[in-house]
């Protein structure tokens, strides 16, 4: 197959991507903060790159020259760090009482101090010192004192801080000081605009560059990919290929990333062929990009083929193939590849552990997650934000809230995702007070919550029955024009109102919503009607819900339970008939428990386990013990794990079998954790509360609805699930 996909594509003309033929000075004259400055475009005093900013361009694109000698490129400036006496006031740069003293210092000394601060990664202090220098720069002496190395340091600071405001300020300063841009600094300024999110201005800057080298093209294409402009990035790649027929490994890898963003496996395959043709197939960056592309497109076999063909399997390649398997839903296979990676003696990085921790969270494998945590700490990645956030999520999903909080508190940097993970974890486990406290702490630290944050804290209020606080937070969203409540937030509020028995208020909230009610909103009302046995309103919610999800079995089950609890047996029979006509059936559900790193699965009345005899013997004794504690079977409720004849023997339910197995195979003080694919029925819920008393165990059950923490005869759900 011909590798040149570009010949079969509709290539844009070279002028089709030109944004404007006006001088780049128009960029500085916008409301974004650049000053208007009248300059004679034909003034011969305008030097170098300044001319490119103000002179009308005659053509849209220039042929890229890769030879640095042809373009007269300069080497990257070396920063000469002066030995400066440590001065707290000077390093802070923001102390107003000393600003006058600082501005009186010689400009070159301040420039060296800026470079020193950037070298020490004190970016904010460097920017603050530059602002003081700019304020004091009344004459050309100070402007001329700022050289290439200082501007380069300031660009680095802006990129690290991702501050568009400071990027505009520094670029304006460079223009006003008539800084003579070389190719290196022009590329750096282009990168600064891209990294600070100024995509439109970066594109205009790139469009007006008189000369572009391969670095220029790779920078703009990579920036467009990072911004999600995959189509435009691929178009620009086609243009550079047409001009040069030599894009380099970085350019090809970036184009493959763009194809991955478009999920176009056809275009990706042609780029794969192109890699063969130009001799870049064995390149590490290209191979890893191909693995990532195929993984995101769901072609995991092709991804593994590329991985197997890598002569030197770098850690990035291993990470890419593991992530590809996980993304395609093959979590067990991803773990197998991870074990192969361990055996190959490849040094893992924090990305490896982050991926594995997420896989363990998905599989419910706590022990494997703990091992990954240990490896993270052992290899000194314990402070990595992404990996630690994954750990917080893992421990939250397993109900280990103390461990989750411990990891969170030790994080040196916490992003919004970290806060959301912990707030959501507290909420899911019925710890609404702690969730709200974390939310308030986050706001006090100046972190702006997003819709996920509000969903987590409203869900926490809903699970814990905190009506007043929930209403307060919901109204806080409603009065913020940038954070209007969405359907998922309305569903949380409806569930919260329904939990408190305010069904009329919940219905009014549905009817007054500024959008059409969603299935989640009606489902929240439906559940509340089941718990409070409101038949009429429940029928209304059921009609709406079944109209939206006619094939969802769970809706019929809830309606069936509603009729049963109200003694409407004829109506319940009609629901069963409807299920039969639609071909829907109540399938036995499944429960899992992990003992000594091995998962054990149980179905209703399961006799397939090697320890079945011991399990049922222990179960019979356990049932006798909880009967002494006052247990009486309840046979009104019918959930997916319970078909009619199955209700006769409660003890054979899958979750009860899993708990009994856990009691047999763990020390007496060990908490038990069970996962199940269905909502726990009323009988089992009551029985497990009593089991927690007679065994003095803490039992965590994760059902299809939420987490249930059983301890000393009580459950965290407060009888609402």
Foldseek 3Di string as FASTA:
>chain_A
DDLCPLVVDDADPLQPLADDQAALLVVQVDPLPRDRDDDDLPPVVQDACLNLRHPGDPDFDDQADADCVVQVFDPQDDQDADPDDDDPCLQQLPDVVCLVVLLPDQLLVLLNVLLVCLVVVVLVSSLSSVVSLVVSCPDLRNLVSHADSSLLSNLSSLLVVLAPSSLSVSVSSCSVNSPNDGQVVLLSNLLSCLSSPVLVSSSNSLRSDPHDHLSNLLSNLLSCLVVLVLVVSLSSLSVNCVSPVDNDPSSLLSNLSSCLSVLPVVNNVSSCVVCVVVVNLQPPSNLLSSLQSCLSNLNLVVSVVSQVPHPDNALSSLLSSLVSCVSNPNLVVSVVSVVVVVVVPHDHDLSSLLSNLLSCLVVVQVVSNVVSQVVCVVVPVLQPASNLLSVLLSCLSQVVLVVSVVSLVPHPDYAQSSLLSNLLSCLQQLNLVVSVVSVVVCVVVVHDHALSSLLSNLSSCLLNLVLVVNVVSQVVQCPDPVRHDDLSSLLSNLLSCLVVVNLVVLVVSQVPDPDHHDLSSLVSSLLSCLVVLVLPSNVVSLVVNCVVVVPDPQSLQSNLLSCLVVVNVVVNVVSVVSCVVVVHDLDWKKKWWDDPSDIDIFTQQDPPDPCNVVLVVQLVVLVVQLVVVPQDADQSHDWSNDDNVSSVDPCRHNVNSNVSVVCVRDDLADATEMEIEIDDIPRVVQSVLSSCQVSVHWYWYQYPPGIWTRHNSDTSSRPRD
